[in-house]
Amino acid sequence: MTISIGFSIKWAIPLLLVMSGVSTASAYIAYKAGYKALQGVDQPTANPAKKLTKVKKLSTRPTEFEPVDEKIILTKVYDYIHAQEKKSGSKFLSEKNKKKQSDKSSQNSSD
């Protein structure tokens, strides 16, 4: 009684062994390269995150809620809008006045 092994199995087993060996060698080389790359790196002497927590603690102190008066906001907005209108209106008025003066001068010259 003989056990016959198929052609594909004869090639599959050595191929799997070679793939396993190559992956192990690649992992070893990558580990050594990473180890050498990190040899000169040291841990910082002070934790920089602690510096941030001091600043963070000051800014996160709870403060009492103070509602803003709506009248003050509306007054500021109203003043701002009218100041902008005066700026743009003065430009518009000066152009309008120049146009009126030129129209009057053309009418006077035609008379």
PDB file of N, CA and C in Angstrom:
ATOM      1  N   MET A   1       0.815  -1.152   0.000  1.00  0.00           N
ATOM      2  CA  MET A   1       0.000   0.000   0.000  1.00  0.00           C
ATOM      3  C   MET A   1       0.884   1.249   0.000  1.00  0.00           C
ATOM      4  N   THR A   2       0.759   1.984  -1.028  1.00  0.00           N
ATOM      5  CA  THR A   2       1.562   3.202  -1.162  1.00  0.00           C
ATOM      6  C   THR A   2       0.636   4.406  -1.199  1.00  0.00           C
ATOM      7  N   ILE A   3       1.094   5.433  -0.572  1.00  0.00           N
ATOM      8  CA  ILE A   3       0.323   6.670  -0.556  1.00  0.00           C
ATOM      9  C   ILE A   3       0.903   7.558  -1.643  1.00  0.00           C
ATOM     10  N   SER A   4       0.056   7.969  -2.529  1.00  0.00           N
ATOM     11  CA  SER A   4       0.540   8.824  -3.599  1.00  0.00           C
ATOM     12  C   SER A   4       0.202  10.289  -3.258  1.00  0.00           C
ATOM     13  N   ILE A   5       1.188  11.138  -3.385  1.00  0.00           N
ATOM     14  CA  ILE A   5       1.023  12.557  -3.118  1.00  0.00           C
ATOM     15  C   ILE A   5       0.912  13.240  -4.476  1.00  0.00           C
ATOM     16  N   GLY A   6      -0.064  14.132  -4.602  1.00  0.00           N
ATOM     17  CA  GLY A   6      -0.305  14.809  -5.872  1.00  0.00           C
ATOM     18  C   GLY A   6       0.800  15.797  -6.212  1.00  0.00           C
ATOM     19  N   PHE A   7       0.845  16.140  -7.500  1.00  0.00           N
ATOM     20  CA  PHE A   7       1.862  17.048  -8.017  1.00  0.00           C
ATOM     21  C   PHE A   7       1.753  18.431  -7.365  1.00  0.00           C
ATOM     22  N   SER A   8       0.532  18.938  -7.189  1.00  0.00           N
ATOM     23  CA  SER A   8       0.371  20.280  -6.623  1.00  0.00           C
ATOM     24  C   SER A   8       0.789  20.320  -5.153  1.00  0.00           C
ATOM     25  N   ILE A   9       0.584  19.256  -4.434  1.00  0.00           N
ATOM     26  CA  ILE A   9       0.987  19.223  -3.021  1.00  0.00           C
ATOM     27  C   ILE A   9       2.505  19.186  -2.912  1.00  0.00           C
ATOM     28  N   LYS A  10       3.160  18.509  -3.834  1.00  0.00           N
ATOM     29  CA  LYS A  10       4.629  18.454  -3.823  1.00  0.00           C
ATOM     30  C   LYS A  10       5.230  19.848  -3.983  1.00  0.00           C
ATOM     31  N   TRP A  11       4.593  20.696  -4.724  1.00  0.00           N
ATOM     32  CA  TRP A  11       5.104  22.042  -4.930  1.00  0.00           C
ATOM     33  C   TRP A  11       4.562  23.039  -3.898  1.00  0.00           C
ATOM     34  N   ALA A  12       3.412  22.780  -3.347  1.00  0.00           N
ATOM     35  CA  ALA A  12       2.804  23.718  -2.407  1.00  0.00           C
ATOM     36  C   ALA A  12       3.537  23.735  -1.071  1.00  0.00           C
ATOM     37  N   ILE A  13       3.919  22.591  -0.570  1.00  0.00           N
ATOM     38  CA  ILE A  13       4.585  22.520   0.745  1.00  0.00           C
ATOM     39  C   ILE A  13       5.933  23.235   0.712  1.00  0.00           C
ATOM     40  N   PRO A  14       6.810  22.978  -0.245  1.00  0.00           N
ATOM     41  CA  PRO A  14       8.074  23.736  -0.257  1.00  0.00           C
ATOM     42  C   PRO A  14       7.857  25.239  -0.483  1.00  0.00           C
ATOM     43  N   LEU A  15       6.865  25.575  -1.288  1.00  0.00           N
ATOM     44  CA  LEU A  15       6.584  26.988  -1.510  1.00  0.00           C
ATOM     45  C   LEU A  15       6.149  27.673  -0.209  1.00  0.00           C
ATOM     46  N   LEU A  16       5.318  27.015   0.571  1.00  0.00           N
ATOM     47  CA  LEU A  16       4.903  27.573   1.864  1.00  0.00           C
ATOM     48  C   LEU A  16       6.086  27.707   2.824  1.00  0.00           C
ATOM     49  N   LEU A  17       6.973  26.754   2.821  1.00  0.00           N
ATOM     50  CA  LEU A  17       8.162  26.829   3.686  1.00  0.00           C
ATOM     51  C   LEU A  17       9.065  27.993   3.278  1.00  0.00           C
ATOM     52  N   VAL A  18       9.250  28.165   1.990  1.00  0.00           N
ATOM     53  CA  VAL A  18      10.091  29.267   1.517  1.00  0.00           C
ATOM     54  C   VAL A  18       9.432  30.614   1.874  1.00  0.00           C
ATOM     55  N   MET A  19       8.134  30.735   1.667  1.00  0.00           N
ATOM     56  CA  MET A  19       7.427  31.974   2.006  1.00  0.00           C
ATOM     57  C   MET A  19       7.533  32.268   3.498  1.00  0.00           C
ATOM     58  N   SER A  20       7.436  31.250   4.327  1.00  0.00           N
ATOM     59  CA  SER A  20       7.556  31.427   5.767  1.00  0.00           C
ATOM     60  C   SER A  20       8.957  31.906   6.137  1.00  0.00           C
ATOM     61  N   GLY A  21       9.960  31.335   5.534  1.00  0.00           N
ATOM     62  CA  GLY A  21      11.340  31.735   5.808  1.00  0.00           C
ATOM     63  C   GLY A  21      11.620  33.157   5.364  1.00  0.00           C
ATOM     64  N   VAL A  22      11.133  33.534   4.191  1.00  0.00           N
ATOM     65  CA  VAL A  22      11.352  34.882   3.681  1.00  0.00           C
ATOM     66  C   VAL A  22      10.640  35.912   4.558  1.00  0.00           C
ATOM     67  N   SER A  23       9.424  35.629   4.995  1.00  0.00           N
ATOM     68  CA  SER A  23       8.705  36.577   5.854  1.00  0.00           C
ATOM     69  C   SER A  23       9.390  36.722   7.205  1.00  0.00           C
ATOM     70  N   THR A  24       9.935  35.643   7.744  1.00  0.00           N
ATOM     71  CA  THR A  24      10.671  35.718   9.007  1.00  0.00           C
ATOM     72  C   THR A  24      11.934  36.555   8.845  1.00  0.00           C
ATOM     73  N   ALA A  25      12.647  36.361   7.754  1.00  0.00           N
ATOM     74  CA  ALA A  25      13.865  37.131   7.502  1.00  0.00           C
ATOM     75  C   ALA A  25      13.529  38.613   7.320  1.00  0.00           C
ATOM     76  N   SER A  26      12.448  38.899   6.622  1.00  0.00           N
ATOM     77  CA  SER A  26      12.032  40.286   6.412  1.00  0.00           C
ATOM     78  C   SER A  26      11.663  40.946   7.741  1.00  0.00           C
ATOM     79  N   ALA A  27      10.970  40.235   8.607  1.00  0.00           N
ATOM     80  CA  ALA A  27      10.598  40.776   9.914  1.00  0.00           C
ATOM     81  C   ALA A  27      11.833  41.060  10.745  1.00  0.00           C
ATOM     82  N   TYR A  28      12.819  40.186  10.711  1.00  0.00           N
ATOM     83  CA  TYR A  28      14.055  40.366  11.465  1.00  0.00           C
ATOM     84  C   TYR A  28      14.818  41.597  10.970  1.00  0.00           C
ATOM     85  N   ILE A  29      14.917  41.742   9.655  1.00  0.00           N
ATOM     86  CA  ILE A  29      15.630  42.890   9.079  1.00  0.00           C
ATOM     87  C   ILE A  29      14.909  44.193   9.437  1.00  0.00           C
ATOM     88  N   ALA A  30      13.597  44.210   9.368  1.00  0.00           N
ATOM     89  CA  ALA A  30      12.834  45.412   9.701  1.00  0.00           C
ATOM     90  C   ALA A  30      12.998  45.774  11.177  1.00  0.00           C
ATOM     91  N   TYR A  31      12.999  44.788  12.047  1.00  0.00           N
ATOM     92  CA  TYR A  31      13.191  45.037  13.476  1.00  0.00           C
ATOM     93  C   TYR A  31      14.560  45.653  13.737  1.00  0.00           C
ATOM     94  N   LYS A  32      15.590  45.104  13.142  1.00  0.00           N
ATOM     95  CA  LYS A  32      16.945  45.624  13.345  1.00  0.00           C
ATOM     96  C   LYS A  32      17.076  47.046  12.802  1.00  0.00           C
ATOM     97  N   ALA A  33      16.484  47.318  11.633  1.00  0.00           N
ATOM     98  CA  ALA A  33      16.563  48.657  11.052  1.00  0.00           C
ATOM     99  C   ALA A  33      15.829  49.665  11.944  1.00  0.00           C
ATOM    100  N   GLY A  34      14.679  49.307  12.467  1.00  0.00           N
ATOM    101  CA  GLY A  34      13.935  50.189  13.361  1.00  0.00           C
ATOM    102  C   GLY A  34      14.671  50.428  14.658  1.00  0.00           C
ATOM    103  N   TYR A  35      15.303  49.381  15.182  1.00  0.00           N
ATOM    104  CA  TYR A  35      16.054  49.502  16.427  1.00  0.00           C
ATOM    105  C   TYR A  35      17.225  50.465  16.256  1.00  0.00           C
ATOM    106  N   LYS A  36      17.941  50.349  15.130  1.00  0.00           N
ATOM    107  CA  LYS A  36      19.070  51.245  14.871  1.00  0.00           C
ATOM    108  C   LYS A  36      18.591  52.681  14.656  1.00  0.00           C
ATOM    109  N   ALA A  37      17.447  52.850  14.005  1.00  0.00           N
ATOM    110  CA  ALA A  37      16.938  54.189  13.738  1.00  0.00           C
ATOM    111  C   ALA A  37      16.550  54.900  15.028  1.00  0.00           C
ATOM    112  N   LEU A  38      16.099  54.158  16.030  1.00  0.00           N
ATOM    113  CA  LEU A  38      15.651  54.771  17.282  1.00  0.00           C
ATOM    114  C   LEU A  38      16.715  54.764  18.375  1.00  0.00           C
ATOM    115  N   GLN A  39      17.942  54.367  18.064  1.00  0.00           N
ATOM    116  CA  GLN A  39      18.980  54.299  19.089  1.00  0.00           C
ATOM    117  C   GLN A  39      19.308  55.664  19.688  1.00  0.00           C
ATOM    118  N   GLY A  40      19.335  56.729  18.905  1.00  0.00           N
ATOM    119  CA  GLY A  40      19.718  58.045  19.411  1.00  0.00           C
ATOM    120  C   GLY A  40      18.571  58.824  20.025  1.00  0.00           C
ATOM    121  N   VAL A  41      17.380  58.286  20.026  1.00  0.00           N
ATOM    122  CA  VAL A  41      16.222  59.016  20.533  1.00  0.00           C
ATOM    123  C   VAL A  41      16.099  58.794  22.036  1.00  0.00           C
ATOM    124  N   ASP A  42      15.970  59.908  22.775  1.00  0.00           N
ATOM    125  CA  ASP A  42      15.818  59.826  24.231  1.00  0.00           C
ATOM    126  C   ASP A  42      14.446  60.337  24.625  1.00  0.00           C
ATOM    127  N   GLN A  43      14.043  59.939  25.816  1.00  0.00           N
ATOM    128  CA  GLN A  43      12.782  60.422  26.357  1.00  0.00           C
ATOM    129  C   GLN A  43      13.005  61.825  26.906  1.00  0.00           C
ATOM    130  N   PRO A  44      12.056  62.750  26.693  1.00  0.00           N
ATOM    131  CA  PRO A  44      12.242  64.105  27.228  1.00  0.00           C
ATOM    132  C   PRO A  44      12.326  64.090  28.751  1.00  0.00           C
ATOM    133  N   THR A  45      13.095  65.048  29.294  1.00  0.00           N
ATOM    134  CA  THR A  45      13.279  65.081  30.748  1.00  0.00           C
ATOM    135  C   THR A  45      12.020  65.542  31.463  1.00  0.00           C
ATOM    136  N   ALA A  46      11.258  66.426  30.850  1.00  0.00           N
ATOM    137  CA  ALA A  46      10.023  66.917  31.455  1.00  0.00           C
ATOM    138  C   ALA A  46       8.865  66.572  30.535  1.00  0.00           C
ATOM    139  N   ASN A  47       7.734  66.318  31.128  1.00  0.00           N
ATOM    140  CA  ASN A  47       6.554  65.987  30.345  1.00  0.00           C
ATOM    141  C   ASN A  47       5.936  67.289  29.816  1.00  0.00           C
ATOM    142  N   PRO A  48       5.947  67.503  28.499  1.00  0.00           N
ATOM    143  CA  PRO A  48       5.393  68.748  27.962  1.00  0.00           C
ATOM    144  C   PRO A  48       3.884  68.843  28.134  1.00  0.00           C
ATOM    145  N   ALA A  49       3.223  67.736  28.332  1.00  0.00           N
ATOM    146  CA  ALA A  49       1.773  67.768  28.520  1.00  0.00           C
ATOM    147  C   ALA A  49       1.408  68.433  29.845  1.00  0.00           C
ATOM    148  N   LYS A  50       2.275  68.366  30.835  1.00  0.00           N
ATOM    149  CA  LYS A  50       2.006  69.005  32.127  1.00  0.00           C
ATOM    150  C   LYS A  50       1.998  70.523  31.996  1.00  0.00           C
ATOM    151  N   LYS A  51       2.817  71.054  31.085  1.00  0.00           N
ATOM    152  CA  LYS A  51       2.821  72.493  30.861  1.00  0.00           C
ATOM    153  C   LYS A  51       1.481  72.941  30.292  1.00  0.00           C
ATOM    154  N   LEU A  52       0.904  72.134  29.442  1.00  0.00           N
ATOM    155  CA  LEU A  52      -0.379  72.477  28.836  1.00  0.00           C
ATOM    156  C   LEU A  52      -1.516  72.403  29.843  1.00  0.00           C
ATOM    157  N   THR A  53      -1.445  71.487  30.794  1.00  0.00           N
ATOM    158  CA  THR A  53      -2.536  71.351  31.757  1.00  0.00           C
ATOM    159  C   THR A  53      -2.610  72.560  32.682  1.00  0.00           C
ATOM    160  N   LYS A  54      -1.474  73.199  32.985  1.00  0.00           N
ATOM    161  CA  LYS A  54      -1.512  74.389  33.833  1.00  0.00           C
ATOM    162  C   LYS A  54      -2.270  75.506  33.137  1.00  0.00           C
ATOM    163  N   VAL A  55      -1.993  75.698  31.868  1.00  0.00           N
ATOM    164  CA  VAL A  55      -2.679  76.732  31.108  1.00  0.00           C
ATOM    165  C   VAL A  55      -4.138  76.359  30.939  1.00  0.00           C
ATOM    166  N   LYS A  56      -4.387  75.097  30.713  1.00  0.00           N
ATOM    167  CA  LYS A  56      -5.750  74.628  30.501  1.00  0.00           C
ATOM    168  C   LYS A  56      -6.598  74.829  31.762  1.00  0.00           C
ATOM    169  N   LYS A  57      -6.020  74.606  32.932  1.00  0.00           N
ATOM    170  CA  LYS A  57      -6.766  74.755  34.170  1.00  0.00           C
ATOM    171  C   LYS A  57      -7.219  76.196  34.372  1.00  0.00           C
ATOM    172  N   LEU A  58      -6.395  77.152  33.981  1.00  0.00           N
ATOM    173  CA  LEU A  58      -6.766  78.550  34.149  1.00  0.00           C
ATOM    174  C   LEU A  58      -7.924  78.927  33.246  1.00  0.00           C
ATOM    175  N   SER A  59      -7.932  78.401  32.033  1.00  0.00           N
ATOM    176  CA  SER A  59      -8.965  78.802  31.080  1.00  0.00           C
ATOM    177  C   SER A  59     -10.274  78.041  31.276  1.00  0.00           C
ATOM    178  N   THR A  60     -10.257  76.952  32.010  1.00  0.00           N
ATOM    179  CA  THR A  60     -11.474  76.163  32.173  1.00  0.00           C
ATOM    180  C   THR A  60     -12.146  76.372  33.522  1.00  0.00           C
ATOM    181  N   ARG A  61     -11.741  77.398  34.211  1.00  0.00           N
ATOM    182  CA  ARG A  61     -12.405  77.676  35.485  1.00  0.00           C
ATOM    183  C   ARG A  61     -13.846  78.080  35.212  1.00  0.00           C
ATOM    184  N   PRO A  62     -14.769  77.511  35.940  1.00  0.00           N
ATOM    185  CA  PRO A  62     -16.168  77.875  35.688  1.00  0.00           C
ATOM    186  C   PRO A  62     -16.446  79.297  36.182  1.00  0.00           C
ATOM    187  N   THR A  63     -17.149  80.043  35.361  1.00  0.00           N
ATOM    188  CA  THR A  63     -17.534  81.395  35.737  1.00  0.00           C
ATOM    189  C   THR A  63     -19.048  81.474  35.740  1.00  0.00           C
ATOM    190  N   GLU A  64     -19.547  82.422  36.494  1.00  0.00           N
ATOM    191  CA  GLU A  64     -20.990  82.576  36.596  1.00  0.00           C
ATOM    192  C   GLU A  64     -21.528  83.176  35.302  1.00  0.00           C
ATOM    193  N   PHE A  65     -22.657  82.684  34.857  1.00  0.00           N
ATOM    194  CA  PHE A  65     -23.277  83.166  33.625  1.00  0.00           C
ATOM    195  C   PHE A  65     -23.827  84.561  33.831  1.00  0.00           C
ATOM    196  N   GLU A  66     -23.427  85.469  32.963  1.00  0.00           N
ATOM    197  CA  GLU A  66     -23.917  86.832  33.030  1.00  0.00           C
ATOM    198  C   GLU A  66     -24.602  87.150  31.704  1.00  0.00           C
ATOM    199  N   PRO A  67     -25.922  87.278  31.708  1.00  0.00           N
ATOM    200  CA  PRO A  67     -26.609  87.581  30.442  1.00  0.00           C
ATOM    201  C   PRO A  67     -26.283  89.002  29.981  1.00  0.00           C
ATOM    202  N   VAL A  68     -26.213  89.162  28.669  1.00  0.00           N
ATOM    203  CA  VAL A  68     -25.907  90.466  28.085  1.00  0.00           C
ATOM    204  C   VAL A  68     -27.223  91.182  27.815  1.00  0.00           C
ATOM    205  N   ASP A  69     -27.234  92.470  28.101  1.00  0.00           N
ATOM    206  CA  ASP A  69     -28.439  93.254  27.888  1.00  0.00           C
ATOM    207  C   ASP A  69     -28.683  93.415  26.384  1.00  0.00           C
ATOM    208  N   GLU A  70     -29.854  93.067  25.948  1.00  0.00           N
ATOM    209  CA  GLU A  70     -30.189  93.084  24.527  1.00  0.00           C
ATOM    210  C   GLU A  70     -30.228  94.515  23.986  1.00  0.00           C
ATOM    211  N   LYS A  71     -30.636  95.458  24.795  1.00  0.00           N
ATOM    212  CA  LYS A  71     -30.723  96.854  24.361  1.00  0.00           C
ATOM    213  C   LYS A  71     -29.352  97.395  23.978  1.00  0.00           C
ATOM    214  N   ILE A  72     -28.344  97.018  24.738  1.00  0.00           N
ATOM    215  CA  ILE A  72     -26.981  97.482  24.445  1.00  0.00           C
ATOM    216  C   ILE A  72     -26.529  96.946  23.094  1.00  0.00           C
ATOM    217  N   ILE A  73     -26.777  95.681  22.848  1.00  0.00           N
ATOM    218  CA  ILE A  73     -26.373  95.082  21.577  1.00  0.00           C
ATOM    219  C   ILE A  73     -27.110  95.741  20.423  1.00  0.00           C
ATOM    220  N   LEU A  74     -28.408  95.915  20.561  1.00  0.00           N
ATOM    221  CA  LEU A  74     -29.193  96.522  19.490  1.00  0.00           C
ATOM    222  C   LEU A  74     -28.750  97.957  19.219  1.00  0.00           C
ATOM    223  N   THR A  75     -28.406  98.699  20.265  1.00  0.00           N
ATOM    224  CA  THR A  75     -27.931 100.069  20.094  1.00  0.00           C
ATOM    225  C   THR A  75     -26.613 100.096  19.325  1.00  0.00           C
ATOM    226  N   LYS A  76     -25.692  99.204  19.684  1.00  0.00           N
ATOM    227  CA  LYS A  76     -24.401  99.149  18.996  1.00  0.00           C
ATOM    228  C   LYS A  76     -24.578  98.779  17.531  1.00  0.00           C
ATOM    229  N   VAL A  77     -25.442  97.815  17.255  1.00  0.00           N
ATOM    230  CA  VAL A  77     -25.686  97.393  15.876  1.00  0.00           C
ATOM    231  C   VAL A  77     -26.323  98.530  15.085  1.00  0.00           C
ATOM    232  N   TYR A  78     -27.300  99.195  15.672  1.00  0.00           N
ATOM    233  CA  TYR A  78     -27.982 100.316  15.007  1.00  0.00           C
ATOM    234  C   TYR A  78     -26.981 101.434  14.680  1.00  0.00           C
ATOM    235  N   ASP A  79     -26.138 101.788  15.651  1.00  0.00           N
ATOM    236  CA  ASP A  79     -25.135 102.831  15.425  1.00  0.00           C
ATOM    237  C   ASP A  79     -24.155 102.423  14.327  1.00  0.00           C
ATOM    238  N   TYR A  80     -23.739 101.187  14.339  1.00  0.00           N
ATOM    239  CA  TYR A  80     -22.783 100.708  13.333  1.00  0.00           C
ATOM    240  C   TYR A  80     -23.392 100.760  11.936  1.00  0.00           C
ATOM    241  N   ILE A  81     -24.631 100.301  11.814  1.00  0.00           N
ATOM    242  CA  ILE A  81     -25.295 100.284  10.504  1.00  0.00           C
ATOM    243  C   ILE A  81     -25.453 101.704   9.975  1.00  0.00           C
ATOM    244  N   HIS A  82     -25.870 102.622  10.823  1.00  0.00           N
ATOM    245  CA  HIS A  82     -26.063 103.998  10.369  1.00  0.00           C
ATOM    246  C   HIS A  82     -24.732 104.687  10.074  1.00  0.00           C
ATOM    247  N   ALA A  83     -23.691 104.328  10.770  1.00  0.00           N
ATOM    248  CA  ALA A  83     -22.372 104.879  10.454  1.00  0.00           C
ATOM    249  C   ALA A  83     -21.920 104.394   9.074  1.00  0.00           C
ATOM    250  N   GLN A  84     -22.183 103.132   8.770  1.00  0.00           N
ATOM    251  CA  GLN A  84     -21.833 102.599   7.453  1.00  0.00           C
ATOM    252  C   GLN A  84     -22.657 103.260   6.359  1.00  0.00           C
ATOM    253  N   GLU A  85     -23.942 103.487   6.636  1.00  0.00           N
ATOM    254  CA  GLU A  85     -24.804 104.138   5.649  1.00  0.00           C
ATOM    255  C   GLU A  85     -24.345 105.568   5.391  1.00  0.00           C
ATOM    256  N   LYS A  86     -23.896 106.257   6.434  1.00  0.00           N
ATOM    257  CA  LYS A  86     -23.426 107.625   6.263  1.00  0.00           C
ATOM    258  C   LYS A  86     -22.163 107.645   5.410  1.00  0.00           C
ATOM    259  N   LYS A  87     -21.283 106.676   5.621  1.00  0.00           N
ATOM    260  CA  LYS A  87     -20.056 106.617   4.821  1.00  0.00           C
ATOM    261  C   LYS A  87     -20.399 106.378   3.359  1.00  0.00           C
ATOM    262  N   SER A  88     -21.203 105.360   3.097  1.00  0.00           N
ATOM    263  CA  SER A  88     -21.556 105.057   1.713  1.00  0.00           C
ATOM    264  C   SER A  88     -22.500 106.108   1.154  1.00  0.00           C
ATOM    265  N   GLY A  89     -23.366 106.681   1.984  1.00  0.00           N
ATOM    266  CA  GLY A  89     -24.293 107.722   1.560  1.00  0.00           C
ATOM    267  C   GLY A  89     -23.568 108.993   1.187  1.00  0.00           C
ATOM    268  N   SER A  90     -22.526 109.351   1.900  1.00  0.00           N
ATOM    269  CA  SER A  90     -21.780 110.563   1.587  1.00  0.00           C
ATOM    270  C   SER A  90     -21.091 110.417   0.240  1.00  0.00           C
ATOM    271  N   LYS A  91     -20.607 109.263  -0.086  1.00  0.00           N
ATOM    272  CA  LYS A  91     -20.012 109.030  -1.398  1.00  0.00           C
ATOM    273  C   LYS A  91     -21.083 109.144  -2.472  1.00  0.00           C
ATOM    274  N   PHE A  92     -22.225 108.555  -2.184  1.00  0.00           N
ATOM    275  CA  PHE A  92     -23.325 108.577  -3.148  1.00  0.00           C
ATOM    276  C   PHE A  92     -23.835 110.000  -3.335  1.00  0.00           C
ATOM    277  N   LEU A  93     -23.969 110.741  -2.214  1.00  0.00           N
ATOM    278  CA  LEU A  93     -24.442 112.124  -2.288  1.00  0.00           C
ATOM    279  C   LEU A  93     -23.460 113.013  -3.038  1.00  0.00           C
ATOM    280  N   SER A  94     -22.164 112.811  -2.801  1.00  0.00           N
ATOM    281  CA  SER A  94     -21.186 113.648  -3.489  1.00  0.00           C
ATOM    282  C   SER A  94     -21.225 113.383  -4.990  1.00  0.00           C
ATOM    283  N   GLU A  95     -21.421 112.158  -5.399  1.00  0.00           N
ATOM    284  CA  GLU A  95     -21.554 111.849  -6.821  1.00  0.00           C
ATOM    285  C   GLU A  95     -22.840 112.446  -7.376  1.00  0.00           C
ATOM    286  N   LYS A  96     -23.903 112.392  -6.595  1.00  0.00           N
ATOM    287  CA  LYS A  96     -25.198 112.932  -7.013  1.00  0.00           C
ATOM    288  C   LYS A  96     -25.108 114.452  -7.156  1.00  0.00           C
ATOM    289  N   ASN A  97     -24.437 115.131  -6.203  1.00  0.00           N
ATOM    290  CA  ASN A  97     -24.270 116.579  -6.263  1.00  0.00           C
ATOM    291  C   ASN A  97     -23.453 116.994  -7.481  1.00  0.00           C
ATOM    292  N   LYS A  98     -22.407 116.243  -7.779  1.00  0.00           N
ATOM    293  CA  LYS A  98     -21.591 116.550  -8.951  1.00  0.00           C
ATOM    294  C   LYS A  98     -22.425 116.427 -10.222  1.00  0.00           C
ATOM    295  N   LYS A  99     -23.264 115.420 -10.261  1.00  0.00           N
ATOM    296  CA  LYS A  99     -24.118 115.210 -11.429  1.00  0.00           C
ATOM    297  C   LYS A  99     -25.112 116.366 -11.574  1.00  0.00           C
ATOM    298  N   LYS A 100     -25.720 116.808 -10.456  1.00  0.00           N
ATOM    299  CA  LYS A 100     -26.667 117.920 -10.492  1.00  0.00           C
ATOM    300  C   LYS A 100     -25.982 119.199 -10.958  1.00  0.00           C
ATOM    301  N   GLN A 101     -24.765 119.438 -10.452  1.00  0.00           N
ATOM    302  CA  GLN A 101     -24.042 120.643 -10.827  1.00  0.00           C
ATOM    303  C   GLN A 101     -23.694 120.624 -12.312  1.00  0.00           C
ATOM    304  N   SER A 102     -23.308 119.470 -12.801  1.00  0.00           N
ATOM    305  CA  SER A 102     -22.987 119.382 -14.229  1.00  0.00           C
ATOM    306  C   SER A 102     -24.238 119.566 -15.073  1.00  0.00           C
ATOM    307  N   ASP A 103     -25.392 119.064 -14.600  1.00  0.00           N
ATOM    308  CA  ASP A 103     -26.653 119.253 -15.318  1.00  0.00           C
ATOM    309  C   ASP A 103     -27.034 120.733 -15.335  1.00  0.00           C
ATOM    310  N   LYS A 104     -26.871 121.419 -14.184  1.00  0.00           N
ATOM    311  CA  LYS A 104     -27.205 122.842 -14.098  1.00  0.00           C
ATOM    312  C   LYS A 104     -26.299 123.669 -15.012  1.00  0.00           C
ATOM    313  N   SER A 105     -25.033 123.325 -15.019  1.00  0.00           N
ATOM    314  CA  SER A 105     -24.105 124.073 -15.860  1.00  0.00           C
ATOM    315  C   SER A 105     -24.397 123.848 -17.338  1.00  0.00           C
ATOM    316  N   SER A 106     -24.814 122.646 -17.684  1.00  0.00           N
ATOM    317  CA  SER A 106     -25.150 122.383 -19.093  1.00  0.00           C
ATOM    318  C   SER A 106     -26.439 123.104 -19.472  1.00  0.00           C
ATOM    319  N   GLN A 107     -27.389 123.228 -18.543  1.00  0.00           N
ATOM    320  CA  GLN A 107     -28.634 123.957 -18.805  1.00  0.00           C
ATOM    321  C   GLN A 107     -28.361 125.441 -18.941  1.00  0.00           C
ATOM    322  N   ASN A 108     -27.489 125.980 -18.093  1.00  0.00           N
ATOM    323  CA  ASN A 108     -27.162 127.409 -18.151  1.00  0.00           C
ATOM    324  C   ASN A 108     -26.436 127.753 -19.446  1.00  0.00           C
ATOM    325  N   SER A 109     -25.593 126.882 -19.868  1.00  0.00           N
ATOM    326  CA  SER A 109     -24.834 127.147 -21.104  1.00  0.00           C
ATOM    327  C   SER A 109     -25.742 127.030 -22.331  1.00  0.00           C
ATOM    328  N   SER A 110     -26.762 126.177 -22.282  1.00  0.00           N
ATOM    329  CA  SER A 110     -27.672 126.022 -23.418  1.00  0.00           C
ATOM    330  C   SER A 110     -28.664 127.174 -23.511  1.00  0.00           C
ATOM    331  N   ASP A 111     -28.918 127.900 -22.390  1.00  0.00           N
ATOM    332  CA  ASP A 111     -29.882 129.023 -22.393  1.00  0.00           C
ATOM    333  C   ASP A 111     -29.343 130.209 -23.052  1.00  0.00           C
TER     334      ASP A 111
END
